């Protein structure tokens, strides 16, 4: 578990992901995800017992193994101190097609406001973006083919389990935006381009205030931002007004600002 690159490749390939802490495991189970096995020190077994019973239908886990090990052994296996109770290897659910997600993400109805994460490499930023999306009413998240895995352990932990709450899928081709345009979305790219409009002006434009507005907000990688191709395919480029000689924010902070500013899109009156 100490090799991030290896795990990032192996976990999706083998159809699993790791959930850390009782609360995160509980949120995964509440989202309908099924455990493959549990791992914890003996002192956490009593607290985990109700969740094991709920997720497996048996006090001892039934067909789902429950592994117990001394904390020193757990540190050697995982590469970190397991402070939050337990790990669970969870069965990774199948991702929906983009069109299907967009048509059902808003409580079974069409999404009105979504985020697109292009090539983010830091799992912390992915998790933080999901947490902000959940808190600020974003209907769904699309991740590009090279974006970090939202179900990687650190992404899940930073998101506080909201990766199980916000509908998401991986878009197979990006920056092709035909599927977004076909669904009626305006694609807004967050970048520092010379032709970018202020976020203040953008939220007052028809793209955000029209009764039938549907908005896709695209955020780029931590270093270079959105690719040139993504900017060329966007309908509008938007920048966050800055002061104090600061030209940009971390992508996690920027996404929170933009999600808050555009919260009126698709809001129920």
C-alpha atoms as a PDB file:
ATOM      1  CA  UNK A   1       0.000   0.000   0.000  1.00  0.00           C
ATOM      2  CA  UNK A   2       2.993   2.329   0.102  1.00  0.00           C
ATOM      3  CA  UNK A   3       3.392   2.586  -3.703  1.00  0.00           C
ATOM      4  CA  UNK A   4       0.922   5.211  -4.965  1.00  0.00           C
ATOM      5  CA  UNK A   5       1.590   4.648  -8.666  1.00  0.00           C
ATOM      6  CA  UNK A   6       1.260   0.888  -8.391  1.00  0.00           C
ATOM      7  CA  UNK A   7      -1.948   1.071  -6.386  1.00  0.00           C
ATOM      8  CA  UNK A   8      -3.424   3.691  -8.709  1.00  0.00           C
ATOM      9  CA  UNK A   9      -3.061   1.204 -11.552  1.00  0.00           C
ATOM     10  CA  UNK A  10      -3.894  -2.022  -9.720  1.00  0.00           C
ATOM     11  CA  UNK A  11      -6.976  -1.002  -7.741  1.00  0.00           C
ATOM     12  CA  UNK A  12      -9.179  -0.017 -10.725  1.00  0.00           C
ATOM     13  CA  UNK A  13      -7.850  -2.977 -12.707  1.00  0.00           C
ATOM     14  CA  UNK A  14      -8.860  -5.385  -9.935  1.00  0.00           C
ATOM     15  CA  UNK A  15     -12.182  -3.676  -9.291  1.00  0.00           C
ATOM     16  CA  UNK A  16     -11.500  -2.493  -5.755  1.00  0.00           C
ATOM     17  CA  UNK A  17     -10.654   0.558  -3.693  1.00  0.00           C
ATOM     18  CA  UNK A  18      -9.607   1.145  -0.090  1.00  0.00           C
ATOM     19  CA  UNK A  19     -11.881   2.912   2.396  1.00  0.00           C
ATOM     20  CA  UNK A  20     -10.209   4.200   5.559  1.00  0.00           C
ATOM     21  CA  UNK A  21     -12.019   4.933   8.849  1.00  0.00           C
ATOM     22  CA  UNK A  22     -15.338   3.830  10.230  1.00  0.00           C
ATOM     23  CA  UNK A  23     -17.140   6.946   8.948  1.00  0.00           C
ATOM     24  CA  UNK A  24     -15.853   6.588   5.394  1.00  0.00           C
ATOM     25  CA  UNK A  25     -16.659   2.879   5.301  1.00  0.00           C
ATOM     26  CA  UNK A  26     -20.132   3.660   6.613  1.00  0.00           C
ATOM     27  CA  UNK A  27     -20.715   6.233   3.850  1.00  0.00           C
ATOM     28  CA  UNK A  28     -19.544   3.740   1.243  1.00  0.00           C
ATOM     29  CA  UNK A  29     -21.955   1.118   2.577  1.00  0.00           C
ATOM     30  CA  UNK A  30     -24.783   3.682   2.660  1.00  0.00           C
ATOM     31  CA  UNK A  31     -24.054   4.393  -1.016  1.00  0.00           C
ATOM     32  CA  UNK A  32     -24.577   0.713  -1.788  1.00  0.00           C
ATOM     33  CA  UNK A  33     -20.932  -0.311  -2.122  1.00  0.00           C
ATOM     34  CA  UNK A  34     -20.053  -3.821  -0.951  1.00  0.00           C
ATOM     35  CA  UNK A  35     -16.971  -4.750   1.095  1.00  0.00           C
ATOM     36  CA  UNK A  36     -14.506  -7.446   0.035  1.00  0.00           C
ATOM     37  CA  UNK A  37     -12.656  -7.570   3.368  1.00  0.00           C
ATOM     38  CA  UNK A  38     -11.911  -5.609   6.540  1.00  0.00           C
ATOM     39  CA  UNK A  39      -8.590  -4.972   8.286  1.00  0.00           C
ATOM     40  CA  UNK A  40      -8.187  -3.526  11.793  1.00  0.00           C
ATOM     41  CA  UNK A  41      -6.498  -3.918  15.143  1.00  0.00           C
ATOM     42  CA  UNK A  42      -8.418  -5.943  17.759  1.00  0.00           C
ATOM     43  CA  UNK A  43      -9.285  -2.859  19.793  1.00  0.00           C
ATOM     44  CA  UNK A  44     -11.504  -1.522  16.971  1.00  0.00           C
ATOM     45  CA  UNK A  45     -13.510  -4.703  16.454  1.00  0.00           C
ATOM     46  CA  UNK A  46     -16.246  -3.836  18.935  1.00  0.00           C
ATOM     47  CA  UNK A  47     -16.866  -0.420  17.361  1.00  0.00           C
ATOM     48  CA  UNK A  48     -16.829  -1.879  13.848  1.00  0.00           C
ATOM     49  CA  UNK A  49     -19.097  -4.818  14.684  1.00  0.00           C
ATOM     50  CA  UNK A  50     -22.433  -3.072  13.861  1.00  0.00           C
ATOM     51  CA  UNK A  51     -21.070  -1.883  10.516  1.00  0.00           C
ATOM     52  CA  UNK A  52     -19.694  -5.339   9.693  1.00  0.00           C
ATOM     53  CA  UNK A  53     -23.092  -6.817  10.486  1.00  0.00           C
ATOM     54  CA  UNK A  54     -24.921  -4.193   8.443  1.00  0.00           C
ATOM     55  CA  UNK A  55     -22.724  -4.553   5.372  1.00  0.00           C
ATOM     56  CA  UNK A  56     -22.395  -8.351   5.349  1.00  0.00           C
ATOM     57  CA  UNK A  57     -25.485  -9.627   7.133  1.00  0.00           C
ATOM     58  CA  UNK A  58     -23.393 -11.602   9.618  1.00  0.00           C
ATOM     59  CA  UNK A  59     -21.765 -10.796  12.949  1.00  0.00           C
ATOM     60  CA  UNK A  60     -18.473 -12.323  11.817  1.00  0.00           C
ATOM     61  CA  UNK A  61     -18.662 -10.973   8.258  1.00  0.00           C
ATOM     62  CA  UNK A  62     -19.876 -14.252   6.781  1.00  0.00           C
ATOM     63  CA  UNK A  63     -18.130 -14.681   3.432  1.00  0.00           C
ATOM     64  CA  UNK A  64     -16.352 -11.331   3.863  1.00  0.00           C
ATOM     65  CA  UNK A  65     -13.059 -11.828   5.759  1.00  0.00           C
ATOM     66  CA  UNK A  66     -12.404  -9.669   8.825  1.00  0.00           C
ATOM     67  CA  UNK A  67      -8.640  -9.539   9.409  1.00  0.00           C
ATOM     68  CA  UNK A  68      -7.220  -8.528  12.800  1.00  0.00           C
ATOM     69  CA  UNK A  69      -3.570  -7.628  13.314  1.00  0.00           C
ATOM     70  CA  UNK A  70      -1.397  -5.831  15.897  1.00  0.00           C
ATOM     71  CA  UNK A  71      -0.942  -2.136  15.160  1.00  0.00           C
ATOM     72  CA  UNK A  72       2.758  -2.611  14.416  1.00  0.00           C
ATOM     73  CA  UNK A  73       1.857  -5.138  11.720  1.00  0.00           C
ATOM     74  CA  UNK A  74      -0.764  -2.766  10.311  1.00  0.00           C
ATOM     75  CA  UNK A  75       1.847  -0.008  10.021  1.00  0.00           C
ATOM     76  CA  UNK A  76       4.148  -2.329   8.082  1.00  0.00           C
ATOM     77  CA  UNK A  77       1.333  -3.366   5.748  1.00  0.00           C
ATOM     78  CA  UNK A  78      -0.115   0.071   5.083  1.00  0.00           C
ATOM     79  CA  UNK A  79       2.842   2.433   5.497  1.00  0.00           C
ATOM     80  CA  UNK A  80       0.976   4.678   7.929  1.00  0.00           C
ATOM     81  CA  UNK A  81      -0.565   4.622  11.393  1.00  0.00           C
ATOM     82  CA  UNK A  82      -4.191   3.576  11.174  1.00  0.00           C
ATOM     83  CA  UNK A  83      -5.721   6.191  13.471  1.00  0.00           C
ATOM     84  CA  UNK A  84      -9.321   5.960  12.323  1.00  0.00           C
ATOM     85  CA  UNK A  85     -10.342   2.451  13.172  1.00  0.00           C
ATOM     86  CA  UNK A  86     -10.180   0.244  10.123  1.00  0.00           C
ATOM     87  CA  UNK A  87      -9.567  -0.257   6.447  1.00  0.00           C
ATOM     88  CA  UNK A  88     -11.977  -1.967   4.114  1.00  0.00           C
ATOM     89  CA  UNK A  89     -11.269  -3.243   0.628  1.00  0.00           C
ATOM     90  CA  UNK A  90     -14.468  -2.277  -1.214  1.00  0.00           C
ATOM     91  CA  UNK A  91     -15.848  -3.516  -4.508  1.00  0.00           C
ATOM     92  CA  UNK A  92     -15.535  -0.700  -7.032  1.00  0.00           C
ATOM     93  CA  UNK A  93     -18.916   0.027  -8.655  1.00  0.00           C
ATOM     94  CA  UNK A  94     -19.225   0.231 -12.433  1.00  0.00           C
ATOM     95  CA  UNK A  95     -19.107   3.824 -13.680  1.00  0.00           C
ATOM     96  CA  UNK A  96     -22.094   5.099 -15.659  1.00  0.00           C
ATOM     97  CA  UNK A  97     -21.874   6.466 -19.182  1.00  0.00           C
ATOM     98  CA  UNK A  98     -21.533  10.247 -19.279  1.00  0.00           C
ATOM     99  CA  UNK A  99     -24.890  10.776 -20.954  1.00  0.00           C
ATOM    100  CA  UNK A 100     -26.624   8.537 -18.427  1.00  0.00           C
ATOM    101  CA  UNK A 101     -25.019  10.388 -15.525  1.00  0.00           C
ATOM    102  CA  UNK A 102     -26.014  13.796 -16.876  1.00  0.00           C
ATOM    103  CA  UNK A 103     -29.618  12.681 -17.322  1.00  0.00           C
ATOM    104  CA  UNK A 104     -30.061  11.343 -13.770  1.00  0.00           C
ATOM    105  CA  UNK A 105     -27.534  13.040 -11.465  1.00  0.00           C
ATOM    106  CA  UNK A 106     -29.936  15.570  -9.951  1.00  0.00           C
ATOM    107  CA  UNK A 107     -31.987  13.303  -7.726  1.00  0.00           C
ATOM    108  CA  UNK A 108     -32.934  11.143 -10.691  1.00  0.00           C
ATOM    109  CA  UNK A 109     -33.415  14.124 -13.019  1.00  0.00           C
ATOM    110  CA  UNK A 110     -31.055  15.948 -15.391  1.00  0.00           C
ATOM    111  CA  UNK A 111     -28.000  17.666 -13.926  1.00  0.00           C
ATOM    112  CA  UNK A 112     -27.968  21.456 -14.065  1.00  0.00           C
ATOM    113  CA  UNK A 113     -24.475  22.232 -12.768  1.00  0.00           C
ATOM    114  CA  UNK A 114     -21.451  19.947 -13.003  1.00  0.00           C
ATOM    115  CA  UNK A 115     -17.675  20.108 -12.568  1.00  0.00           C
ATOM    116  CA  UNK A 116     -15.042  18.733 -14.932  1.00  0.00           C
ATOM    117  CA  UNK A 117     -11.602  17.940 -13.460  1.00  0.00           C
ATOM    118  CA  UNK A 118      -8.915  17.805 -16.131  1.00  0.00           C
ATOM    119  CA  UNK A 119      -5.713  15.909 -15.320  1.00  0.00           C
ATOM    120  CA  UNK A 120      -5.527  16.717 -11.607  1.00  0.00           C
ATOM    121  CA  UNK A 121      -2.656  14.631 -10.243  1.00  0.00           C
ATOM    122  CA  UNK A 122      -2.969  15.362  -6.525  1.00  0.00           C
ATOM    123  CA  UNK A 123      -5.458  13.072  -4.783  1.00  0.00           C
ATOM    124  CA  UNK A 124      -5.861  15.676  -2.039  1.00  0.00           C
ATOM    125  CA  UNK A 125      -7.129  18.244  -4.548  1.00  0.00           C
ATOM    126  CA  UNK A 126      -9.523  15.731  -6.087  1.00  0.00           C
ATOM    127  CA  UNK A 127     -10.953  14.885  -2.674  1.00  0.00           C
ATOM    128  CA  UNK A 128     -11.226  18.545  -1.697  1.00  0.00           C
ATOM    129  CA  UNK A 129     -13.034  19.382  -4.942  1.00  0.00           C
ATOM    130  CA  UNK A 130     -15.559  16.619  -4.285  1.00  0.00           C
ATOM    131  CA  UNK A 131     -16.125  17.861  -0.746  1.00  0.00           C
ATOM    132  CA  UNK A 132     -16.811  21.375  -2.033  1.00  0.00           C
ATOM    133  CA  UNK A 133     -19.053  19.996  -4.767  1.00  0.00           C
ATOM    134  CA  UNK A 134     -21.124  18.137  -2.190  1.00  0.00           C
ATOM    135  CA  UNK A 135     -21.324  21.102   0.183  1.00  0.00           C
ATOM    136  CA  UNK A 136     -22.269  23.605  -2.529  1.00  0.00           C
ATOM    137  CA  UNK A 137     -24.803  21.607  -4.489  1.00  0.00           C
ATOM    138  CA  UNK A 138     -22.904  20.578  -7.620  1.00  0.00           C
ATOM    139  CA  UNK A 139     -24.917  17.806  -9.254  1.00  0.00           C
ATOM    140  CA  UNK A 140     -22.091  15.700 -10.690  1.00  0.00           C
ATOM    141  CA  UNK A 141     -18.370  15.547 -11.403  1.00  0.00           C
ATOM    142  CA  UNK A 142     -16.648  14.346 -14.568  1.00  0.00           C
ATOM    143  CA  UNK A 143     -12.965  13.426 -14.437  1.00  0.00           C
ATOM    144  CA  UNK A 144     -10.684  13.292 -17.467  1.00  0.00           C
ATOM    145  CA  UNK A 145      -8.904  10.070 -18.507  1.00  0.00           C
ATOM    146  CA  UNK A 146      -5.662  11.175 -16.801  1.00  0.00           C
ATOM    147  CA  UNK A 147      -7.208  12.664 -13.671  1.00  0.00           C
ATOM    148  CA  UNK A 148      -6.321  11.076 -10.331  1.00  0.00           C
ATOM    149  CA  UNK A 149      -8.708   8.436  -9.045  1.00  0.00           C
ATOM    150  CA  UNK A 150     -11.518   9.841  -6.846  1.00  0.00           C
ATOM    151  CA  UNK A 151     -11.694   6.450  -5.094  1.00  0.00           C
ATOM    152  CA  UNK A 152      -8.024   6.409  -4.152  1.00  0.00           C
ATOM    153  CA  UNK A 153      -7.705   6.191  -0.352  1.00  0.00           C
ATOM    154  CA  UNK A 154      -6.454   9.740   0.143  1.00  0.00           C
ATOM    155  CA  UNK A 155      -9.080  11.233  -2.173  1.00  0.00           C
ATOM    156  CA  UNK A 156     -11.818   9.440  -0.265  1.00  0.00           C
ATOM    157  CA  UNK A 157     -10.445  10.491   3.127  1.00  0.00           C
ATOM    158  CA  UNK A 158      -9.977  14.166   2.185  1.00  0.00           C
ATOM    159  CA  UNK A 159     -13.456  14.246   0.688  1.00  0.00           C
ATOM    160  CA  UNK A 160     -14.864  12.942   3.988  1.00  0.00           C
ATOM    161  CA  UNK A 161     -16.624  10.256   1.968  1.00  0.00           C
ATOM    162  CA  UNK A 162     -18.473  12.704  -0.292  1.00  0.00           C
ATOM    163  CA  UNK A 163     -17.057  10.884  -3.339  1.00  0.00           C
ATOM    164  CA  UNK A 164     -19.831   8.393  -2.543  1.00  0.00           C
ATOM    165  CA  UNK A 165     -22.406  11.176  -2.353  1.00  0.00           C
ATOM    166  CA  UNK A 166     -21.722  13.188  -5.531  1.00  0.00           C
ATOM    167  CA  UNK A 167     -22.469  11.261  -8.747  1.00  0.00           C
ATOM    168  CA  UNK A 168     -19.382  11.034 -10.943  1.00  0.00           C
ATOM    169  CA  UNK A 169     -17.840   9.204 -13.852  1.00  0.00           C
ATOM    170  CA  UNK A 170     -14.746   9.268 -16.017  1.00  0.00           C
ATOM    171  CA  UNK A 171     -15.217  10.930 -19.383  1.00  0.00           C
ATOM    172  CA  UNK A 172     -13.589   8.667 -22.009  1.00  0.00           C
ATOM    173  CA  UNK A 173     -12.486  11.469 -24.363  1.00  0.00           C
ATOM    174  CA  UNK A 174     -11.535  14.947 -23.292  1.00  0.00           C
ATOM    175  CA  UNK A 175     -11.622  17.793 -24.265  1.00  0.00           C
ATOM    176  CA  UNK A 176     -14.340  16.650 -26.672  1.00  0.00           C
ATOM    177  CA  UNK A 177     -17.421  18.404 -25.277  1.00  0.00           C
ATOM    178  CA  UNK A 178     -20.083  17.232 -27.717  1.00  0.00           C
ATOM    179  CA  UNK A 179     -21.847  15.205 -25.039  1.00  0.00           C
ATOM    180  CA  UNK A 180     -22.043  18.318 -22.851  1.00  0.00           C
ATOM    181  CA  UNK A 181     -23.327  20.542 -25.657  1.00  0.00           C
ATOM    182  CA  UNK A 182     -25.833  17.886 -26.699  1.00  0.00           C
ATOM    183  CA  UNK A 183     -27.195  17.983 -23.152  1.00  0.00           C
ATOM    184  CA  UNK A 184     -27.493  21.775 -23.279  1.00  0.00           C
ATOM    185  CA  UNK A 185     -24.518  22.699 -21.102  1.00  0.00           C
ATOM    186  CA  UNK A 186     -22.469  25.874 -21.396  1.00  0.00           C
ATOM    187  CA  UNK A 187     -18.847  24.843 -20.871  1.00  0.00           C
ATOM    188  CA  UNK A 188     -16.987  27.410 -18.755  1.00  0.00           C
ATOM    189  CA  UNK A 189     -13.212  27.017 -18.451  1.00  0.00           C
ATOM    190  CA  UNK A 190     -11.490  28.513 -15.410  1.00  0.00           C
ATOM    191  CA  UNK A 191      -8.230  30.048 -16.606  1.00  0.00           C
ATOM    192  CA  UNK A 192      -6.145  33.230 -16.744  1.00  0.00           C
ATOM    193  CA  UNK A 193      -6.503  33.755 -20.499  1.00  0.00           C
ATOM    194  CA  UNK A 194      -6.397  37.356 -21.786  1.00  0.00           C
ATOM    195  CA  UNK A 195      -9.972  37.010 -23.059  1.00  0.00           C
ATOM    196  CA  UNK A 196     -11.331  35.610 -19.785  1.00  0.00           C
ATOM    197  CA  UNK A 197     -14.383  37.275 -18.282  1.00  0.00           C
ATOM    198  CA  UNK A 198     -14.657  38.033 -14.594  1.00  0.00           C
ATOM    199  CA  UNK A 199     -16.509  35.501 -12.457  1.00  0.00           C
ATOM    200  CA  UNK A 200     -18.682  38.380 -11.229  1.00  0.00           C
ATOM    201  CA  UNK A 201     -19.762  39.184 -14.792  1.00  0.00           C
ATOM    202  CA  UNK A 202     -20.181  35.536 -15.697  1.00  0.00           C
ATOM    203  CA  UNK A 203     -22.632  34.730 -12.883  1.00  0.00           C
ATOM    204  CA  UNK A 204     -24.779  37.664 -14.056  1.00  0.00           C
ATOM    205  CA  UNK A 205     -24.811  36.438 -17.678  1.00  0.00           C
ATOM    206  CA  UNK A 206     -27.565  34.381 -19.374  1.00  0.00           C
ATOM    207  CA  UNK A 207     -25.351  31.277 -19.068  1.00  0.00           C
ATOM    208  CA  UNK A 208     -26.036  31.377 -15.330  1.00  0.00           C
ATOM    209  CA  UNK A 209     -29.309  33.265 -14.861  1.00  0.00           C
ATOM    210  CA  UNK A 210     -31.465  31.817 -17.642  1.00  0.00           C
ATOM    211  CA  UNK A 211     -34.265  29.630 -16.246  1.00  0.00           C
ATOM    212  CA  UNK A 212     -33.003  26.646 -18.243  1.00  0.00           C
ATOM    213  CA  UNK A 213     -29.275  27.300 -17.622  1.00  0.00           C
ATOM    214  CA  UNK A 214     -27.029  24.246 -17.499  1.00  0.00           C
ATOM    215  CA  UNK A 215     -23.400  24.805 -16.616  1.00  0.00           C
ATOM    216  CA  UNK A 216     -20.214  22.698 -16.847  1.00  0.00           C
ATOM    217  CA  UNK A 217     -17.268  24.188 -14.935  1.00  0.00           C
ATOM    218  CA  UNK A 218     -13.845  22.936 -16.076  1.00  0.00           C
ATOM    219  CA  UNK A 219     -10.752  23.075 -13.850  1.00  0.00           C
ATOM    220  CA  UNK A 220      -7.215  22.236 -14.932  1.00  0.00           C
ATOM    221  CA  UNK A 221      -4.191  20.543 -13.468  1.00  0.00           C
ATOM    222  CA  UNK A 222      -2.278  21.978 -10.539  1.00  0.00           C
ATOM    223  CA  UNK A 223       0.728  23.234 -12.504  1.00  0.00           C
ATOM    224  CA  UNK A 224      -0.295  24.414 -15.958  1.00  0.00           C
ATOM    225  CA  UNK A 225      -4.050  24.711 -15.607  1.00  0.00           C
ATOM    226  CA  UNK A 226      -6.361  23.680 -18.419  1.00  0.00           C
ATOM    227  CA  UNK A 227      -4.847  22.474 -21.666  1.00  0.00           C
ATOM    228  CA  UNK A 228      -4.983  24.627 -24.777  1.00  0.00           C
ATOM    229  CA  UNK A 229      -7.377  22.116 -26.321  1.00  0.00           C
ATOM    230  CA  UNK A 230      -9.763  22.405 -23.408  1.00  0.00           C
ATOM    231  CA  UNK A 231      -9.740  26.190 -23.672  1.00  0.00           C
ATOM    232  CA  UNK A 232     -10.439  26.019 -27.386  1.00  0.00           C
ATOM    233  CA  UNK A 233     -13.462  23.773 -26.833  1.00  0.00           C
ATOM    234  CA  UNK A 234     -14.928  25.900 -24.031  1.00  0.00           C
ATOM    235  CA  UNK A 235     -17.796  28.295 -24.662  1.00  0.00           C
ATOM    236  CA  UNK A 236     -16.379  30.892 -22.279  1.00  0.00           C
ATOM    237  CA  UNK A 237     -13.216  31.367 -20.229  1.00  0.00           C
ATOM    238  CA  UNK A 238     -13.726  32.676 -16.711  1.00  0.00           C
ATOM    239  CA  UNK A 239     -11.285  34.046 -14.132  1.00  0.00           C
ATOM    240  CA  UNK A 240     -11.681  34.705 -10.419  1.00  0.00           C
ATOM    241  CA  UNK A 241     -11.006  38.390  -9.596  1.00  0.00           C
ATOM    242  CA  UNK A 242      -7.812  38.677  -7.548  1.00  0.00           C
ATOM    243  CA  UNK A 243      -6.072  41.293  -5.457  1.00  0.00           C
ATOM    244  CA  UNK A 244      -2.857  41.573  -3.495  1.00  0.00           C
ATOM    245  CA  UNK A 245      -0.697  40.704  -6.528  1.00  0.00           C
ATOM    246  CA  UNK A 246      -2.014  37.113  -6.416  1.00  0.00           C
ATOM    247  CA  UNK A 247      -2.861  35.769  -9.854  1.00  0.00           C
ATOM    248  CA  UNK A 248      -4.368  32.381  -9.019  1.00  0.00           C
ATOM    249  CA  UNK A 249      -5.596  29.996  -6.337  1.00  0.00           C
ATOM    250  CA  UNK A 250      -4.939  26.340  -5.704  1.00  0.00           C
ATOM    251  CA  UNK A 251      -7.403  24.325  -7.795  1.00  0.00           C
ATOM    252  CA  UNK A 252      -9.207  23.035  -4.710  1.00  0.00           C
ATOM    253  CA  UNK A 253      -9.719  26.582  -3.387  1.00  0.00           C
ATOM    254  CA  UNK A 254     -10.668  27.894  -6.831  1.00  0.00           C
ATOM    255  CA  UNK A 255     -13.301  25.209  -7.294  1.00  0.00           C
ATOM    256  CA  UNK A 256     -14.878  26.079  -3.924  1.00  0.00           C
ATOM    257  CA  UNK A 257     -15.056  29.771  -4.856  1.00  0.00           C
ATOM    258  CA  UNK A 258     -16.629  29.042  -8.239  1.00  0.00           C
ATOM    259  CA  UNK A 259     -19.082  26.487  -6.870  1.00  0.00           C
ATOM    260  CA  UNK A 260     -20.269  29.039  -4.316  1.00  0.00           C
ATOM    261  CA  UNK A 261     -20.537  31.873  -6.843  1.00  0.00           C
ATOM    262  CA  UNK A 262     -22.589  29.780  -9.295  1.00  0.00           C
ATOM    263  CA  UNK A 263     -24.829  28.123  -6.700  1.00  0.00           C
ATOM    264  CA  UNK A 264     -27.886  29.887  -8.148  1.00  0.00           C
ATOM    265  CA  UNK A 265     -27.708  27.872 -11.382  1.00  0.00           C
ATOM    266  CA  UNK A 266     -30.520  25.368 -11.308  1.00  0.00           C
ATOM    267  CA  UNK A 267     -31.455  26.288  -7.734  1.00  0.00           C
ATOM    268  CA  UNK A 268     -34.978  25.433  -6.696  1.00  0.00           C
ATOM    269  CA  UNK A 269     -36.978  28.612  -6.133  1.00  0.00           C
END
